[in-house]
Amino acid sequence: MSSVSQPNQQDDGLEAAVNEAIAACGGDPLASVRALIVANNFLENEVAELKKAVSHAYTRGRFRTYTG
């Protein structure tokens, strides 16, 4: 069975994080979802910028790292 069908079996702090996000937005669940979407978009843009900064040789596996 997956952890989705049995959420109480694997408590990894998700409930606490949800409650904290809602509390940070004054108890408004819609505002907390909006804030989380904005934060996610920001992080996705950061990842895209970092991917652009990585050398093409490194991403193709042609960059050899020093192994000591």
PDB file of N, CA and C in Angstrom:
ATOM      1  N   MET A   1       0.832  -1.182   0.000  1.00  0.00           N
ATOM      2  CA  MET A   1       0.000   0.000   0.000  1.00  0.00           C
ATOM      3  C   MET A   1       0.875   1.243   0.000  1.00  0.00           C
ATOM      4  N   SER A   2       0.385   2.304  -0.566  1.00  0.00           N
ATOM      5  CA  SER A   2       1.166   3.530  -0.624  1.00  0.00           C
ATOM      6  C   SER A   2       0.939   4.370   0.619  1.00  0.00           C
ATOM      7  N   SER A   3       1.856   5.342   0.821  1.00  0.00           N
ATOM      8  CA  SER A   3       1.726   6.215   1.987  1.00  0.00           C
ATOM      9  C   SER A   3       0.553   7.160   1.833  1.00  0.00           C
ATOM     10  N   VAL A   4       0.045   7.337   0.606  1.00  0.00           N
ATOM     11  CA  VAL A   4      -1.103   8.212   0.389  1.00  0.00           C
ATOM     12  C   VAL A   4      -2.360   7.595   0.976  1.00  0.00           C
ATOM     13  N   SER A   5      -2.513   6.275   0.850  1.00  0.00           N
ATOM     14  CA  SER A   5      -3.718   5.626   1.356  1.00  0.00           C
ATOM     15  C   SER A   5      -3.702   5.478   2.875  1.00  0.00           C
ATOM     16  N   GLN A   6      -2.509   5.567   3.499  1.00  0.00           N
ATOM     17  CA  GLN A   6      -2.402   5.437   4.945  1.00  0.00           C
ATOM     18  C   GLN A   6      -1.558   6.592   5.500  1.00  0.00           C
ATOM     19  N   PRO A   7      -2.113   7.808   5.534  1.00  0.00           N
ATOM     20  CA  PRO A   7      -1.312   8.956   5.964  1.00  0.00           C
ATOM     21  C   PRO A   7      -0.880   8.905   7.420  1.00  0.00           C
ATOM     22  N   ASN A   8      -1.623   8.232   8.301  1.00  0.00           N
ATOM     23  CA  ASN A   8      -1.262   8.186   9.711  1.00  0.00           C
ATOM     24  C   ASN A   8      -0.099   7.254   9.990  1.00  0.00           C
ATOM     25  N   GLN A   9       0.162   6.347   9.074  1.00  0.00           N
ATOM     26  CA  GLN A   9       1.221   5.368   9.285  1.00  0.00           C
ATOM     27  C   GLN A   9       2.606   6.001   9.173  1.00  0.00           C
ATOM     28  N   GLN A  10       2.750   7.033   8.377  1.00  0.00           N
ATOM     29  CA  GLN A  10       4.056   7.637   8.166  1.00  0.00           C
ATOM     30  C   GLN A  10       3.946   9.145   8.378  1.00  0.00           C
ATOM     31  N   ASP A  11       4.091   9.577   9.626  1.00  0.00           N
ATOM     32  CA  ASP A  11       3.989  10.991   9.949  1.00  0.00           C
ATOM     33  C   ASP A  11       5.370  11.620   9.848  1.00  0.00           C
ATOM     34  N   ASP A  12       5.599  12.351   8.760  1.00  0.00           N
ATOM     35  CA  ASP A  12       6.890  12.987   8.541  1.00  0.00           C
ATOM     36  C   ASP A  12       6.829  14.492   8.772  1.00  0.00           C
ATOM     37  N   GLY A  13       5.855  14.934   9.537  1.00  0.00           N
ATOM     38  CA  GLY A  13       5.741  16.347   9.827  1.00  0.00           C
ATOM     39  C   GLY A  13       4.925  17.121   8.819  1.00  0.00           C
ATOM     40  N   LEU A  14       4.303  16.418   7.888  1.00  0.00           N
ATOM     41  CA  LEU A  14       3.525  17.094   6.857  1.00  0.00           C
ATOM     42  C   LEU A  14       2.349  17.855   7.454  1.00  0.00           C
ATOM     43  N   GLU A  15       1.639  17.222   8.389  1.00  0.00           N
ATOM     44  CA  GLU A  15       0.501  17.895   9.023  1.00  0.00           C
ATOM     45  C   GLU A  15       0.944  19.159   9.737  1.00  0.00           C
ATOM     46  N   ALA A  16       2.070  19.083  10.432  1.00  0.00           N
ATOM     47  CA  ALA A  16       2.585  20.253  11.142  1.00  0.00           C
ATOM     48  C   ALA A  16       2.958  21.355  10.156  1.00  0.00           C
ATOM     49  N   ALA A  17       3.558  20.991   9.026  1.00  0.00           N
ATOM     50  CA  ALA A  17       3.931  21.980   8.012  1.00  0.00           C
ATOM     51  C   ALA A  17       2.700  22.630   7.397  1.00  0.00           C
ATOM     52  N   VAL A  18       1.660  21.830   7.166  1.00  0.00           N
ATOM     53  CA  VAL A  18       0.408  22.367   6.620  1.00  0.00           C
ATOM     54  C   VAL A  18      -0.202  23.357   7.603  1.00  0.00           C
ATOM     55  N   ASN A  19      -0.296  22.955   8.848  1.00  0.00           N
ATOM     56  CA  ASN A  19      -0.858  23.836   9.871  1.00  0.00           C
ATOM     57  C   ASN A  19      -0.038  25.116  10.023  1.00  0.00           C
ATOM     58  N   GLU A  20       1.274  25.002   9.937  1.00  0.00           N
ATOM     59  CA  GLU A  20       2.149  26.170  10.053  1.00  0.00           C
ATOM     60  C   GLU A  20       1.946  27.119   8.871  1.00  0.00           C
ATOM     61  N   ALA A  21       1.809  26.569   7.668  1.00  0.00           N
ATOM     62  CA  ALA A  21       1.587  27.400   6.487  1.00  0.00           C
ATOM     63  C   ALA A  21       0.263  28.138   6.577  1.00  0.00           C
ATOM     64  N   ILE A  22      -0.770  27.454   7.038  1.00  0.00           N
ATOM     65  CA  ILE A  22      -2.082  28.092   7.179  1.00  0.00           C
ATOM     66  C   ILE A  22      -2.035  29.153   8.273  1.00  0.00           C
ATOM     67  N   ALA A  23      -1.384  28.859   9.382  1.00  0.00           N
ATOM     68  CA  ALA A  23      -1.273  29.827  10.474  1.00  0.00           C
ATOM     69  C   ALA A  23      -0.491  31.061  10.035  1.00  0.00           C
ATOM     70  N   ALA A  24       0.545  30.876   9.216  1.00  0.00           N
ATOM     71  CA  ALA A  24       1.343  32.009   8.738  1.00  0.00           C
ATOM     72  C   ALA A  24       0.532  32.948   7.862  1.00  0.00           C
ATOM     73  N   CYS A  25      -0.549  32.436   7.294  1.00  0.00           N
ATOM     74  CA  CYS A  25      -1.417  33.252   6.442  1.00  0.00           C
ATOM     75  C   CYS A  25      -2.696  33.644   7.169  1.00  0.00           C
ATOM     76  N   GLY A  26      -2.632  33.725   8.482  1.00  0.00           N
ATOM     77  CA  GLY A  26      -3.767  34.172   9.273  1.00  0.00           C
ATOM     78  C   GLY A  26      -4.929  33.202   9.311  1.00  0.00           C
ATOM     79  N   GLY A  27      -4.667  31.926   9.072  1.00  0.00           N
ATOM     80  CA  GLY A  27      -5.717  30.916   9.113  1.00  0.00           C
ATOM     81  C   GLY A  27      -6.494  30.780   7.822  1.00  0.00           C
ATOM     82  N   ASP A  28      -6.072  31.476   6.784  1.00  0.00           N
ATOM     83  CA  ASP A  28      -6.770  31.437   5.496  1.00  0.00           C
ATOM     84  C   ASP A  28      -6.124  30.390   4.590  1.00  0.00           C
ATOM     85  N   PRO A  29      -6.787  29.250   4.367  1.00  0.00           N
ATOM     86  CA  PRO A  29      -6.198  28.197   3.527  1.00  0.00           C
ATOM     87  C   PRO A  29      -5.955  28.654   2.089  1.00  0.00           C
ATOM     88  N   LEU A  30      -6.854  29.467   1.541  1.00  0.00           N
ATOM     89  CA  LEU A  30      -6.671  29.955   0.172  1.00  0.00           C
ATOM     90  C   LEU A  30      -5.424  30.829   0.066  1.00  0.00           C
ATOM     91  N   ALA A  31      -5.217  31.682   1.045  1.00  0.00           N
ATOM     92  CA  ALA A  31      -4.026  32.530   1.048  1.00  0.00           C
ATOM     93  C   ALA A  31      -2.761  31.696   1.189  1.00  0.00           C
ATOM     94  N   SER A  32      -2.817  30.627   1.965  1.00  0.00           N
ATOM     95  CA  SER A  32      -1.630  29.790   2.126  1.00  0.00           C
ATOM     96  C   SER A  32      -1.311  29.034   0.845  1.00  0.00           C
ATOM     97  N   VAL A  33      -2.325  28.576   0.139  1.00  0.00           N
ATOM     98  CA  VAL A  33      -2.090  27.910  -1.146  1.00  0.00           C
ATOM     99  C   VAL A  33      -1.484  28.907  -2.127  1.00  0.00           C
ATOM    100  N   ARG A  34      -2.031  30.124  -2.147  1.00  0.00           N
ATOM    101  CA  ARG A  34      -1.509  31.165  -3.033  1.00  0.00           C
ATOM    102  C   ARG A  34      -0.038  31.440  -2.727  1.00  0.00           C
ATOM    103  N   ALA A  35       0.305  31.577  -1.441  1.00  0.00           N
ATOM    104  CA  ALA A  35       1.679  31.846  -1.037  1.00  0.00           C
ATOM    105  C   ALA A  35       2.608  30.696  -1.418  1.00  0.00           C
ATOM    106  N   LEU A  36       2.134  29.470  -1.258  1.00  0.00           N
ATOM    107  CA  LEU A  36       2.958  28.319  -1.610  1.00  0.00           C
ATOM    108  C   LEU A  36       3.185  28.223  -3.117  1.00  0.00           C
ATOM    109  N   ILE A  37       2.189  28.598  -3.910  1.00  0.00           N
ATOM    110  CA  ILE A  37       2.350  28.598  -5.364  1.00  0.00           C
ATOM    111  C   ILE A  37       3.368  29.656  -5.769  1.00  0.00           C
ATOM    112  N   VAL A  38       3.296  30.829  -5.163  1.00  0.00           N
ATOM    113  CA  VAL A  38       4.263  31.891  -5.464  1.00  0.00           C
ATOM    114  C   VAL A  38       5.672  31.431  -5.092  1.00  0.00           C
ATOM    115  N   ALA A  39       5.823  30.829  -3.930  1.00  0.00           N
ATOM    116  CA  ALA A  39       7.131  30.336  -3.495  1.00  0.00           C
ATOM    117  C   ALA A  39       7.646  29.248  -4.428  1.00  0.00           C
ATOM    118  N   ASN A  40       6.765  28.351  -4.862  1.00  0.00           N
ATOM    119  CA  ASN A  40       7.166  27.284  -5.773  1.00  0.00           C
ATOM    120  C   ASN A  40       7.619  27.852  -7.115  1.00  0.00           C
ATOM    121  N   ASN A  41       6.895  28.851  -7.622  1.00  0.00           N
ATOM    122  CA  ASN A  41       7.292  29.486  -8.886  1.00  0.00           C
ATOM    123  C   ASN A  41       8.658  30.145  -8.759  1.00  0.00           C
ATOM    124  N   PHE A  42       8.903  30.789  -7.621  1.00  0.00           N
ATOM    125  CA  PHE A  42      10.207  31.402  -7.382  1.00  0.00           C
ATOM    126  C   PHE A  42      11.311  30.348  -7.417  1.00  0.00           C
ATOM    127  N   LEU A  43      11.085  29.231  -6.734  1.00  0.00           N
ATOM    128  CA  LEU A  43      12.093  28.166  -6.700  1.00  0.00           C
ATOM    129  C   LEU A  43      12.301  27.534  -8.066  1.00  0.00           C
ATOM    130  N   GLU A  44      11.229  27.380  -8.848  1.00  0.00           N
ATOM    131  CA  GLU A  44      11.371  26.841 -10.198  1.00  0.00           C
ATOM    132  C   GLU A  44      12.198  27.776 -11.064  1.00  0.00           C
ATOM    133  N   ASN A  45      12.005  29.085 -10.909  1.00  0.00           N
ATOM    134  CA  ASN A  45      12.815  30.047 -11.660  1.00  0.00           C
ATOM    135  C   ASN A  45      14.275  29.988 -11.240  1.00  0.00           C
ATOM    136  N   GLU A  46      14.532  29.808  -9.942  1.00  0.00           N
ATOM    137  CA  GLU A  46      15.897  29.671  -9.454  1.00  0.00           C
ATOM    138  C   GLU A  46      16.573  28.442 -10.072  1.00  0.00           C
ATOM    139  N   VAL A  47      15.864  27.325 -10.117  1.00  0.00           N
ATOM    140  CA  VAL A  47      16.407  26.099 -10.707  1.00  0.00           C
ATOM    141  C   VAL A  47      16.730  26.318 -12.180  1.00  0.00           C
ATOM    142  N   ALA A  48      15.842  26.990 -12.900  1.00  0.00           N
ATOM    143  CA  ALA A  48      16.066  27.255 -14.318  1.00  0.00           C
ATOM    144  C   ALA A  48      17.311  28.113 -14.520  1.00  0.00           C
ATOM    145  N   GLU A  49      17.492  29.123 -13.681  1.00  0.00           N
ATOM    146  CA  GLU A  49      18.675  29.978 -13.789  1.00  0.00           C
ATOM    147  C   GLU A  49      19.945  29.205 -13.462  1.00  0.00           C
ATOM    148  N   LEU A  50      19.887  28.344 -12.467  1.00  0.00           N
ATOM    149  CA  LEU A  50      21.060  27.546 -12.111  1.00  0.00           C
ATOM    150  C   LEU A  50      21.403  26.549 -13.208  1.00  0.00           C
ATOM    151  N   LYS A  51      20.377  25.983 -13.853  1.00  0.00           N
ATOM    152  CA  LYS A  51      20.634  25.054 -14.958  1.00  0.00           C
ATOM    153  C   LYS A  51      21.336  25.765 -16.103  1.00  0.00           C
ATOM    154  N   LYS A  52      20.973  27.014 -16.348  1.00  0.00           N
ATOM    155  CA  LYS A  52      21.626  27.786 -17.406  1.00  0.00           C
ATOM    156  C   LYS A  52      23.092  28.043 -17.078  1.00  0.00           C
ATOM    157  N   ALA A  53      23.392  28.174 -15.794  1.00  0.00           N
ATOM    158  CA  ALA A  53      24.747  28.504 -15.367  1.00  0.00           C
ATOM    159  C   ALA A  53      25.684  27.300 -15.394  1.00  0.00           C
ATOM    160  N   VAL A  54      25.137  26.097 -15.401  1.00  0.00           N
ATOM    161  CA  VAL A  54      25.970  24.894 -15.391  1.00  0.00           C
ATOM    162  C   VAL A  54      26.551  24.672 -16.782  1.00  0.00           C
ATOM    163  N   SER A  55      27.803  24.317 -16.812  1.00  0.00           N
ATOM    164  CA  SER A  55      28.489  24.088 -18.078  1.00  0.00           C
ATOM    165  C   SER A  55      27.844  22.940 -18.850  1.00  0.00           C
ATOM    166  N   HIS A  56      27.775  23.089 -20.166  1.00  0.00           N
ATOM    167  CA  HIS A  56      27.197  22.045 -21.006  1.00  0.00           C
ATOM    168  C   HIS A  56      28.040  20.768 -20.964  1.00  0.00           C
ATOM    169  N   ALA A  57      29.354  20.914 -20.864  1.00  0.00           N
ATOM    170  CA  ALA A  57      30.217  19.741 -20.783  1.00  0.00           C
ATOM    171  C   ALA A  57      29.923  18.947 -19.518  1.00  0.00           C
ATOM    172  N   TYR A  58      29.665  19.640 -18.430  1.00  0.00           N
ATOM    173  CA  TYR A  58      29.371  18.955 -17.171  1.00  0.00           C
ATOM    174  C   TYR A  58      28.064  18.181 -17.273  1.00  0.00           C
ATOM    175  N   THR A  59      27.049  18.796 -17.859  1.00  0.00           N
ATOM    176  CA  THR A  59      25.756  18.119 -17.940  1.00  0.00           C
ATOM    177  C   THR A  59      25.788  16.952 -18.903  1.00  0.00           C
ATOM    178  N   ARG A  60      26.692  16.968 -19.871  1.00  0.00           N
ATOM    179  CA  ARG A  60      26.813  15.853 -20.821  1.00  0.00           C
ATOM    180  C   ARG A  60      27.733  14.755 -20.302  1.00  0.00           C
ATOM    181  N   GLY A  61      28.309  14.949 -19.146  1.00  0.00           N
ATOM    182  CA  GLY A  61      29.167  13.928 -18.563  1.00  0.00           C
ATOM    183  C   GLY A  61      30.593  13.973 -19.061  1.00  0.00           C
ATOM    184  N   ARG A  62      30.984  15.042 -19.721  1.00  0.00           N
ATOM    185  CA  ARG A  62      32.350  15.142 -20.235  1.00  0.00           C
ATOM    186  C   ARG A  62      33.307  15.796 -19.250  1.00  0.00           C
ATOM    187  N   PHE A  63      32.769  16.286 -18.176  1.00  0.00           N
ATOM    188  CA  PHE A  63      33.601  16.936 -17.172  1.00  0.00           C
ATOM    189  C   PHE A  63      34.081  15.884 -16.196  1.00  0.00           C
ATOM    190  N   ARG A  64      35.369  15.815 -16.006  1.00  0.00           N
ATOM    191  CA  ARG A  64      35.918  14.805 -15.101  1.00  0.00           C
ATOM    192  C   ARG A  64      36.205  15.450 -13.749  1.00  0.00           C
ATOM    193  N   THR A  65      35.613  14.876 -12.704  1.00  0.00           N
ATOM    194  CA  THR A  65      35.835  15.403 -11.359  1.00  0.00           C
ATOM    195  C   THR A  65      37.093  14.792 -10.778  1.00  0.00           C
ATOM    196  N   TYR A  66      37.707  15.510  -9.898  1.00  0.00           N
ATOM    197  CA  TYR A  66      38.887  15.034  -9.205  1.00  0.00           C
ATOM    198  C   TYR A  66      38.465  14.064  -8.123  1.00  0.00           C
ATOM    199  N   THR A  67      38.953  12.847  -8.183  1.00  0.00           N
ATOM    200  CA  THR A  67      38.563  11.823  -7.212  1.00  0.00           C
ATOM    201  C   THR A  67      39.605  11.622  -6.118  1.00  0.00           C
ATOM    202  N   GLY A  68      40.731  12.289  -6.215  1.00  0.00           N
ATOM    203  CA  GLY A  68      41.728  12.222  -5.140  1.00  0.00           C
ATOM    204  C   GLY A  68      42.646  11.128  -5.345  1.00  0.00           C
TER     205      GLY A  68
END
